[in-house]
Amino acid sequence: MQWERLLSLKRQGDTNKRLRAEQDETRLGFEVDYDRIIFSSAFRSLQDKTQVIPLSKTAFVHTRLTHSLEVSVVGRSLGRQVGKQILEKYPHLAEVHGYHFNDFGAIVAAAALAHDIGNPPFGHSGEKAIGDYFRNGNGKRFKDKLSPKEYEDLCSFEGNANGFKVLTESLPGALGGLRLSYATLGAFMKYPKESLPVKPTSHIADKKYGFFQNDVASFQEVAQDIGLIQTRKGEDISYARHPLTFLVEAADDICYTIIDFEDGINLGLISEDYALEYMIKLVPSINTQKYYELKTKAARVGYLRALAIGTLIEDAVRIFMENEEAILEGAFAKALLDKSKYEAQIQDILKISISNIYQSQEVIEKEVAGYEILTSLLDVRCNALNKNTTQYDKLILKIFGEFTTNEQENIYDELLSICYKISMMTDSQSVQLFKKIKGLII
């Protein structure tokens, strides 16, 4: 892969080439990407989507919105630091093409801002609830009407693939969705493959999938324009990652490792003593006098959090640059933090988070409720697919904001559209609609 192509400013529908040297320095194309994402309704809805812990009345906890903003900030720092070293290594990128190290930061920041934009209500349990409905629930009845890849799209419903649809799907009056630059879309695509085959290798890019079957053309246009390396032959579509995707992933990994841990401490799910015992191992030097002068637990933990994030940013940049050539060849198969010299400390923190936060009673109760709510919404809406609808089905269509099923769409497109619309609901919207369908609100 070549950085000149990977940093493409092209947008869907462009007929003329966009050159970096001709960009308006007061409003760069990559910065426009960031603006378009942050003003989109899909991004704004993340304020009412759970990150991990349900909203607390006693302490601040992160929503998908605040998490995404923080991942974006960390991603910007990663991108700028890597960009500075990339331009030193390949000076023609600046001298001939006009790229600046801030461009790398802007691309990673925009892609990181959007990294959770396709996630359904109730976190990752929402993805699993949708998938289980089609694999084990009443959605199994559609299996024989779908191709294997179409069925797997539904059974392994994936927020990353849904996010690609959010960013790129054409709507009336909006050709190409948000029309982001192909560089930003490339950095966004963590898993540039189809849903089948499932995990064909141990390569990090094969862990999940990144686009639905009805988005193949859009995905391939981006992948081919920016010069991603095709990794499989035949009918199965699969590419190597855009190099900057590793930085988007690292930003996410850093934030959920450290900040979920911080949320758990502030909520009393994890003892503050653990903050000193575990987070301090990520801090090369600490001003102990300043630490003990801080009067509140939140302030003390926040101080450690800032230092720990800085340490992991520095380490991730080091790993990226040491492996930059392998990454460009598609040969680097791990997440950056998997190669971190702090990997053992990271795993220790994650183990405590899993036992004390992710498996806490409050989180489990949220996931159970989420399963029931999303399964019920899927079931009543999928039942209304019958062209000879009952009066109840017609009412269901109206309550979902529709008035008829689309006779032009095939069954896969209809089912995926249902999943998409439900996934775009916020936690509160899905709860309210569930209550209406169950007759709990009159």
Protein backbone atom coordinates (compact mmCIF):
# COMPACT_ATOMS: atom_id res chain seq x y z
CA MET A 1 0.00 0.00 0.00
CA GLN A 2 1.13 3.56 -0.69
CA TRP A 3 0.53 6.54 1.57
CA GLU A 4 -0.28 8.77 -1.41
CA ARG A 5 -3.34 6.66 -2.20
CA LEU A 6 -4.22 5.87 1.41
CA LEU A 7 -4.60 9.59 2.15
CA SER A 8 -7.20 10.06 -0.59
CA LEU A 9 -9.47 13.09 -0.35
CA LYS A 10 -11.92 11.61 -2.86
CA ARG A 11 -15.60 11.44 -1.93
CA GLN A 12 -18.39 9.41 -3.47
CA GLY A 13 -19.65 11.07 -6.64
CA ASP A 14 -16.46 13.07 -7.30
CA THR A 15 -15.58 13.52 -10.96
CA ASN A 16 -12.40 15.53 -10.43
CA LYS A 17 -9.36 14.54 -8.39
CA ARG A 18 -8.95 16.35 -5.07
CA LEU A 19 -5.33 17.33 -4.46
CA ARG A 20 -4.00 18.01 -0.98
CA ALA A 21 -1.87 20.91 -2.21
CA GLU A 22 -5.03 22.67 -3.45
CA GLN A 23 -6.96 22.35 -0.20
CA ASP A 24 -8.19 25.37 1.71
CA GLU A 25 -5.98 25.38 4.82
CA THR A 26 -8.75 26.97 6.88
CA ARG A 27 -11.11 24.04 6.26
CA LEU A 28 -9.40 20.85 5.11
CA GLY A 29 -11.36 17.97 3.61
CA PHE A 30 -10.44 15.67 6.47
CA GLU A 31 -11.70 18.24 8.96
CA VAL A 32 -14.95 18.46 7.00
CA ASP A 33 -15.33 14.72 7.65
CA TYR A 34 -15.21 15.36 11.38
CA ASP A 35 -17.80 18.14 11.13
CA ARG A 36 -20.20 16.04 9.06
CA ILE A 37 -20.04 13.18 11.55
CA ILE A 38 -20.51 15.30 14.65
CA PHE A 39 -23.56 17.11 13.20
CA SER A 40 -25.22 13.89 11.98
CA SER A 41 -28.33 12.62 13.74
CA ALA A 42 -26.77 9.15 14.03
CA PHE A 43 -23.86 10.56 16.02
CA ARG A 44 -26.05 12.74 18.21
CA SER A 45 -28.17 9.72 19.12
CA LEU A 46 -25.13 8.18 20.83
CA GLN A 47 -25.82 10.44 23.83
CA ASP A 48 -28.67 8.05 24.68
CA LYS A 49 -26.85 4.79 24.05
CA THR A 50 -25.14 2.93 26.86
CA GLN A 51 -21.38 2.47 26.75
CA VAL A 52 -21.13 -0.29 29.40
CA ILE A 53 -22.76 0.85 32.62
CA PRO A 54 -26.36 2.14 32.64
CA LEU A 55 -26.64 5.85 33.45
CA SER A 56 -26.10 6.48 37.13
CA LYS A 57 -27.95 8.99 39.32
CA THR A 58 -24.97 9.30 41.67
CA ALA A 59 -21.92 9.61 39.40
CA PHE A 60 -21.02 10.42 35.82
CA VAL A 61 -20.58 7.42 33.55
CA HIS A 62 -19.82 7.32 29.86
CA THR A 63 -22.37 7.08 27.10
CA ARG A 64 -21.43 6.07 23.56
CA LEU A 65 -21.25 9.79 22.77
CA THR A 66 -18.73 10.75 25.44
CA HIS A 67 -16.76 7.58 24.78
CA SER A 68 -16.59 8.37 21.05
CA LEU A 69 -15.45 11.95 21.71
CA GLU A 70 -12.67 10.73 24.00
CA VAL A 71 -11.57 8.03 21.54
CA SER A 72 -11.43 10.74 18.88
CA VAL A 73 -9.19 12.95 21.03
CA VAL A 74 -6.80 10.05 21.72
CA GLY A 75 -6.92 9.11 18.03
CA ARG A 76 -5.99 12.63 17.00
CA SER A 77 -2.90 12.52 19.22
CA LEU A 78 -1.92 9.12 17.84
CA GLY A 79 -2.42 10.28 14.26
CA ARG A 80 -0.43 13.48 14.67
CA GLN A 81 2.50 11.75 16.33
CA VAL A 82 2.58 9.00 13.69
CA GLY A 83 2.07 11.56 10.91
CA LYS A 84 5.07 13.57 12.03
CA GLN A 85 7.30 10.49 11.81
CA ILE A 86 5.76 9.30 8.52
CA LEU A 87 6.53 12.64 6.87
CA GLU A 88 10.10 12.48 8.17
CA LYS A 89 10.42 8.99 6.67
CA TYR A 90 8.69 9.88 3.38
CA PRO A 91 9.42 13.62 2.86
CA HIS A 92 7.90 13.62 -0.65
CA LEU A 93 4.45 13.34 0.96
CA ALA A 94 4.90 16.89 2.23
CA GLU A 95 7.23 18.32 -0.40
CA VAL A 96 5.39 17.00 -3.48
CA HIS A 97 1.84 16.31 -2.30
CA GLY A 98 1.49 18.91 0.45
CA TYR A 99 0.45 16.63 3.31
CA HIS A 100 0.88 17.84 6.89
CA PHE A 101 1.17 15.74 10.03
CA ASN A 102 -2.14 17.22 11.20
CA ASP A 103 -3.82 15.46 8.25
CA PHE A 104 -3.07 12.10 9.84
CA GLY A 105 -4.52 13.31 13.10
CA ALA A 106 -7.66 14.63 11.39
CA ILE A 107 -8.27 11.33 9.55
CA VAL A 108 -7.85 9.21 12.67
CA ALA A 109 -9.92 11.63 14.77
CA ALA A 110 -12.83 11.52 12.30
CA ALA A 111 -12.74 7.73 11.91
CA ALA A 112 -12.50 7.31 15.69
CA LEU A 113 -15.40 9.72 16.21
CA ALA A 114 -17.55 7.44 14.02
CA HIS A 115 -16.26 4.09 15.29
CA ASP A 116 -19.44 3.30 17.30
CA ILE A 117 -21.95 5.14 15.11
CA GLY A 118 -23.55 1.88 13.91
CA ASN A 119 -23.96 0.26 17.33
CA PRO A 120 -27.54 -0.61 18.35
CA PRO A 121 -29.12 0.21 21.73
CA PHE A 122 -27.76 -1.49 24.86
CA GLY A 123 -24.14 -1.82 23.74
CA HIS A 124 -22.67 -5.01 22.36
CA SER A 125 -25.50 -7.01 23.92
CA GLY A 126 -27.76 -5.25 21.38
CA GLU A 127 -25.71 -6.72 18.53
CA LYS A 128 -25.98 -10.17 20.11
CA ALA A 129 -29.73 -9.82 20.64
CA ILE A 130 -30.30 -9.03 16.96
CA GLY A 131 -28.05 -11.90 15.88
CA ASP A 132 -29.65 -14.40 18.25
CA TYR A 133 -33.11 -13.53 16.93
CA PHE A 134 -32.11 -14.76 13.46
CA ARG A 135 -29.86 -17.62 14.51
CA ASN A 136 -31.91 -19.09 17.36
CA GLY A 137 -35.22 -17.23 17.50
CA ASN A 138 -38.18 -16.66 15.21
CA GLY A 139 -35.89 -15.12 12.61
CA LYS A 140 -34.73 -18.62 11.66
CA ARG A 141 -37.78 -18.87 9.42
CA PHE A 142 -36.06 -16.60 6.89
CA LYS A 143 -32.94 -18.75 6.48
CA ASP A 144 -34.10 -20.62 3.39
CA LYS A 145 -34.95 -17.34 1.64
CA LEU A 146 -31.43 -15.93 2.01
CA SER A 147 -27.98 -16.71 0.66
CA PRO A 148 -25.46 -18.01 3.24
CA LYS A 149 -23.69 -14.63 3.40
CA GLU A 150 -26.96 -12.70 3.69
CA TYR A 151 -28.10 -14.95 6.53
CA GLU A 152 -24.75 -14.62 8.31
CA ASP A 153 -25.01 -10.81 8.05
CA LEU A 154 -28.13 -11.07 10.20
CA CYS A 155 -26.99 -13.87 12.53
CA SER A 156 -23.74 -12.04 13.32
CA PHE A 157 -25.19 -8.54 13.14
CA GLU A 158 -22.17 -6.27 13.34
CA GLY A 159 -22.04 -2.65 14.48
CA ASN A 160 -18.98 -1.98 12.34
CA ALA A 161 -20.79 -3.04 9.16
CA ASN A 162 -23.84 -1.09 10.25
CA GLY A 163 -21.62 1.94 10.79
CA PHE A 164 -20.29 1.70 7.24
CA LYS A 165 -23.91 1.75 6.04
CA VAL A 166 -24.69 4.80 8.19
CA LEU A 167 -21.74 6.69 6.73
CA THR A 168 -22.16 5.72 3.07
CA GLU A 169 -25.75 4.79 2.24
CA SER A 170 -27.43 7.12 -0.21
CA LEU A 171 -30.71 8.63 0.93
CA PRO A 172 -33.13 10.94 -0.90
CA GLY A 173 -31.23 14.18 -1.38
CA ALA A 174 -28.03 12.76 0.15
CA LEU A 175 -26.00 10.82 -2.41
CA GLY A 176 -23.30 8.79 -0.68
CA GLY A 177 -24.59 9.39 2.83
CA LEU A 178 -22.25 11.74 4.70
CA ARG A 179 -19.85 11.74 1.72
CA LEU A 180 -16.72 11.33 3.80
CA SER A 181 -13.27 11.21 2.26
CA TYR A 182 -12.13 7.74 1.25
CA ALA A 183 -9.14 8.10 3.59
CA THR A 184 -11.48 8.48 6.58
CA LEU A 185 -13.75 5.66 5.41
CA GLY A 186 -10.70 3.44 4.93
CA ALA A 187 -9.44 4.19 8.44
CA PHE A 188 -12.94 3.48 9.80
CA MET A 189 -13.09 -0.05 8.31
CA LYS A 190 -11.65 -2.24 11.10
CA TYR A 191 -12.67 -5.52 9.48
CA PRO A 192 -12.50 -5.16 5.66
CA LYS A 193 -14.16 -8.49 4.87
CA GLU A 194 -17.56 -10.14 4.39
CA SER A 195 -19.40 -12.01 7.12
CA LEU A 196 -18.33 -15.34 5.59
CA PRO A 197 -15.99 -17.04 6.10
CA VAL A 198 -16.13 -16.48 9.88
CA LYS A 199 -12.67 -15.84 11.37
CA PRO A 200 -10.79 -17.60 8.55
CA THR A 201 -7.43 -16.67 10.10
CA SER A 202 -6.07 -15.32 13.38
CA HIS A 203 -5.30 -11.97 11.72
CA ILE A 204 -6.92 -9.10 13.61
CA ALA A 205 -8.64 -7.90 10.41
CA ASP A 206 -10.47 -11.26 10.17
CA LYS A 207 -11.92 -11.11 13.69
CA LYS A 208 -15.30 -9.76 12.55
CA TYR A 209 -16.72 -8.29 9.33
CA GLY A 210 -17.09 -4.76 8.08
CA PHE A 211 -19.87 -4.46 5.48
CA PHE A 212 -23.20 -6.01 4.56
CA GLN A 213 -23.92 -7.77 1.29
CA ASN A 214 -25.89 -4.85 -0.10
CA ASP A 215 -22.94 -2.53 0.59
CA VAL A 216 -20.35 -4.57 -1.32
CA ALA A 217 -20.14 -2.11 -4.22
CA SER A 218 -19.63 0.90 -1.93
CA PHE A 219 -16.99 -0.92 0.08
CA GLN A 220 -15.05 -2.12 -2.95
CA GLU A 221 -15.06 1.35 -4.50
CA VAL A 222 -13.35 2.73 -1.38
CA ALA A 223 -10.94 -0.21 -0.98
CA GLN A 224 -9.80 -0.12 -4.59
CA ASP A 225 -9.45 3.64 -4.77
CA ILE A 226 -7.16 3.85 -1.74
CA GLY A 227 -5.20 0.77 -2.78
CA LEU A 228 -5.96 -1.72 0.00
CA ILE A 229 -4.36 -5.12 -0.59
CA GLN A 230 -6.78 -7.91 -1.48
CA THR A 231 -6.10 -10.83 0.85
CA ARG A 232 -8.28 -13.60 -0.60
CA LYS A 233 -9.05 -14.78 -4.10
CA GLY A 234 -12.28 -16.16 -5.50
CA GLU A 235 -15.75 -15.06 -4.46
CA ASP A 236 -14.86 -14.08 -0.89
CA ILE A 237 -14.08 -10.37 -0.54
CA SER A 238 -11.34 -9.49 1.91
CA TYR A 239 -8.69 -6.77 2.12
CA ALA A 240 -5.83 -5.74 4.37
CA ARG A 241 -6.56 -2.91 6.76
CA HIS A 242 -5.87 0.73 6.06
CA PRO A 243 -2.78 1.40 8.24
CA LEU A 244 -4.48 4.20 10.17
CA THR A 245 -7.17 1.74 11.25
CA PHE A 246 -4.64 0.35 13.71
CA LEU A 247 -4.51 3.78 15.35
CA VAL A 248 -8.32 4.06 15.51
CA GLU A 249 -8.41 0.65 17.17
CA ALA A 250 -5.62 1.58 19.58
CA ALA A 251 -7.47 4.75 20.60
CA ASP A 252 -10.59 2.70 21.36
CA ASP A 253 -8.60 0.06 23.24
CA ILE A 254 -6.83 2.69 25.34
CA CYS A 255 -10.07 4.45 26.24
CA TYR A 256 -12.17 1.47 27.19
CA THR A 257 -9.30 -0.13 29.12
CA ILE A 258 -8.57 2.94 31.22
CA ILE A 259 -11.84 4.88 31.24
CA ASP A 260 -14.21 1.97 31.89
CA PHE A 261 -11.91 1.15 34.81
CA GLU A 262 -12.21 4.76 35.97
CA ASP A 263 -16.02 4.62 35.74
CA GLY A 264 -16.01 1.45 37.83
CA ILE A 265 -13.92 3.14 40.54
CA ASN A 266 -16.07 6.28 40.60
CA LEU A 267 -19.22 4.15 40.94
CA GLY A 268 -17.74 2.10 43.77
CA LEU A 269 -17.69 -1.13 41.75
CA ILE A 270 -13.89 -1.19 42.02
CA SER A 271 -11.90 -0.09 45.06
CA GLU A 272 -9.83 3.08 44.69
CA ASP A 273 -6.90 1.08 46.02
CA TYR A 274 -6.91 -0.79 42.71
CA ALA A 275 -6.34 2.50 40.89
CA LEU A 276 -3.03 2.97 42.64
CA GLU A 277 -2.10 -0.70 42.49
CA TYR A 278 -2.82 -1.22 38.78
CA MET A 279 -2.90 2.13 36.99
CA ILE A 280 0.30 3.35 38.58
CA LYS A 281 2.10 0.52 36.79
CA LEU A 282 1.35 2.37 33.55
CA VAL A 283 2.82 5.61 34.85
CA PRO A 284 6.63 5.89 34.56
CA SER A 285 6.76 8.78 37.01
CA ILE A 286 4.14 10.35 39.23
CA ASN A 287 4.07 13.47 41.38
CA THR A 288 2.93 11.80 44.60
CA GLN A 289 2.60 15.15 46.38
CA LYS A 290 0.17 16.39 43.71
CA TYR A 291 -1.72 13.08 43.82
CA TYR A 292 -2.37 13.25 47.56
CA GLU A 293 -3.23 16.95 47.44
CA LEU A 294 -6.22 16.14 45.22
CA LYS A 295 -9.23 16.10 47.53
CA THR A 296 -11.69 13.79 45.75
CA LYS A 297 -11.51 10.22 44.53
CA ALA A 298 -12.63 11.31 41.06
CA ALA A 299 -9.84 13.89 40.83
CA ARG A 300 -7.18 11.43 41.99
CA VAL A 301 -8.31 8.72 39.59
CA GLY A 302 -8.60 11.27 36.78
CA TYR A 303 -5.00 12.31 37.34
CA LEU A 304 -3.84 8.69 37.05
CA ARG A 305 -6.05 8.18 34.00
CA ALA A 306 -4.49 11.10 32.14
CA LEU A 307 -0.96 9.86 32.84
CA ALA A 308 -1.82 6.27 31.89
CA ILE A 309 -3.41 7.32 28.59
CA GLY A 310 -0.32 9.38 27.75
CA THR A 311 1.90 6.37 28.39
CA LEU A 312 -0.17 4.08 26.16
CA ILE A 313 -0.32 6.68 23.35
CA GLU A 314 3.47 6.91 23.34
CA ASP A 315 3.81 3.12 23.30
CA ALA A 316 1.26 2.66 20.50
CA VAL A 317 3.10 5.19 18.32
CA ARG A 318 6.35 3.33 18.93
CA ILE A 319 4.82 -0.01 17.95
CA PHE A 320 3.24 1.44 14.80
CA MET A 321 6.44 3.00 13.54
CA GLU A 322 8.53 -0.07 14.32
CA ASN A 323 6.09 -2.12 12.21
CA GLU A 324 5.09 0.49 9.63
CA GLU A 325 6.49 -1.40 6.64
CA ALA A 326 4.82 -4.66 7.70
CA ILE A 327 1.56 -2.76 8.19
CA LEU A 328 1.79 -1.32 4.66
CA GLU A 329 2.32 -4.86 3.34
CA GLY A 330 -0.74 -6.15 5.24
CA ALA A 331 1.52 -8.48 7.21
CA PHE A 332 1.01 -7.05 10.71
CA ALA A 333 -1.61 -9.33 12.25
CA LYS A 334 -2.17 -8.03 15.80
CA ALA A 335 -3.74 -5.01 17.45
CA LEU A 336 -1.07 -2.50 18.45
CA LEU A 337 -1.71 -2.90 22.18
CA ASP A 338 -1.27 -6.67 21.85
CA LYS A 339 2.39 -5.85 21.23
CA SER A 340 2.60 -3.28 24.03
CA LYS A 341 5.31 -3.56 26.68
CA TYR A 342 2.44 -2.87 29.09
CA GLU A 343 0.31 -5.75 27.76
CA ALA A 344 0.42 -7.64 31.08
CA GLN A 345 -0.70 -4.55 33.01
CA ILE A 346 -3.49 -3.92 30.50
CA GLN A 347 -4.72 -7.49 30.89
CA ASP A 348 -4.71 -7.15 34.69
CA ILE A 349 -6.92 -4.07 34.45
CA LEU A 350 -9.27 -5.76 31.95
CA LYS A 351 -9.67 -8.81 34.21
CA ILE A 352 -10.82 -6.62 37.08
CA SER A 353 -13.15 -4.67 34.78
CA ILE A 354 -14.69 -7.89 33.48
CA SER A 355 -15.39 -9.31 36.93
CA ASN A 356 -16.42 -6.07 38.66
CA ILE A 357 -18.03 -4.04 35.85
CA TYR A 358 -18.95 -6.03 32.75
CA GLN A 359 -20.36 -8.89 34.84
CA SER A 360 -21.88 -6.70 37.55
CA GLN A 361 -25.55 -7.18 38.43
CA GLU A 362 -26.47 -3.77 37.03
CA VAL A 363 -24.89 -4.49 33.64
CA ILE A 364 -26.37 -8.01 33.43
CA GLU A 365 -29.85 -6.67 34.19
CA LYS A 366 -29.44 -4.07 31.42
CA GLU A 367 -28.40 -6.77 28.94
CA VAL A 368 -31.34 -9.01 29.85
CA ALA A 369 -33.76 -6.12 29.39
CA GLY A 370 -32.08 -5.21 26.11
CA TYR A 371 -32.50 -8.74 24.77
CA GLU A 372 -36.20 -8.77 25.60
CA ILE A 373 -36.83 -5.32 24.14
CA LEU A 374 -34.95 -5.78 20.85
CA THR A 375 -36.24 -9.32 20.31
CA SER A 376 -39.82 -8.13 20.75
CA LEU A 377 -39.34 -5.18 18.38
CA LEU A 378 -37.76 -7.41 15.75
CA ASP A 379 -40.48 -10.01 16.04
CA VAL A 380 -43.49 -7.73 15.65
CA ARG A 381 -41.85 -5.83 12.79
CA CYS A 382 -40.71 -8.96 10.93
CA ASN A 383 -44.18 -10.48 11.31
CA ALA A 384 -45.52 -7.49 9.38
CA LEU A 385 -43.48 -8.47 6.32
CA ASN A 386 -46.35 -10.61 5.05
CA LYS A 387 -47.77 -8.81 2.00
CA ASN A 388 -51.30 -9.79 3.12
CA THR A 389 -50.92 -7.98 6.42
CA THR A 390 -53.46 -8.17 9.22
CA GLN A 391 -54.91 -5.02 10.75
CA TYR A 392 -52.48 -5.47 13.67
CA ASP A 393 -49.54 -5.66 11.27
CA LYS A 394 -50.69 -2.48 9.56
CA LEU A 395 -50.80 -0.75 12.95
CA ILE A 396 -47.31 -2.03 13.73
CA LEU A 397 -46.02 -0.54 10.47
CA LYS A 398 -47.50 2.81 11.41
CA ILE A 399 -46.07 2.76 14.91
CA PHE A 400 -42.65 2.12 13.34
CA GLY A 401 -43.22 5.17 11.16
CA GLU A 402 -43.99 3.18 8.00
CA PHE A 403 -47.19 2.75 6.08
CA THR A 404 -46.48 -0.22 3.86
CA THR A 405 -43.80 -2.79 3.23
CA ASN A 406 -41.63 -2.02 0.24
CA GLU A 407 -42.74 -4.24 -2.65
CA GLN A 408 -39.55 -3.41 -4.57
CA GLU A 409 -37.10 -4.73 -1.98
CA ASN A 410 -36.06 -8.36 -1.69
CA ILE A 411 -36.41 -10.16 1.64
CA TYR A 412 -32.76 -9.60 2.60
CA ASP A 413 -32.95 -5.86 2.00
CA GLU A 414 -36.19 -5.66 3.97
CA LEU A 415 -34.83 -7.61 6.93
CA LEU A 416 -31.61 -5.63 6.97
CA SER A 417 -33.61 -2.41 6.76
CA ILE A 418 -35.61 -3.48 9.82
CA CYS A 419 -32.41 -4.24 11.74
CA TYR A 420 -30.95 -0.92 10.64
CA LYS A 421 -33.96 1.10 11.79
CA ILE A 422 -34.08 -0.63 15.16
CA SER A 423 -30.33 -0.28 15.60
CA MET A 424 -30.59 3.46 15.02
CA MET A 425 -32.99 3.84 17.94
CA THR A 426 -31.59 5.09 21.22
CA ASP A 427 -31.97 3.14 24.44
CA SER A 428 -34.90 5.33 25.51
CA GLN A 429 -36.63 5.19 22.12
CA SER A 430 -36.50 1.40 22.03
CA VAL A 431 -37.83 1.17 25.60
CA GLN A 432 -40.70 3.54 24.79
CA LEU A 433 -41.63 1.66 21.61
CA PHE A 434 -41.49 -1.66 23.48
CA LYS A 435 -43.87 -0.30 26.12
CA LYS A 436 -46.31 0.91 23.45
CA ILE A 437 -46.32 -2.46 21.70
CA LYS A 438 -46.85 -4.28 24.99
CA GLY A 439 -49.76 -2.00 25.86
CA LEU A 440 -47.93 -0.44 28.81
CA ILE A 441 -48.44 3.10 27.48
CA ILE A 442 -51.93 4.21 26.42
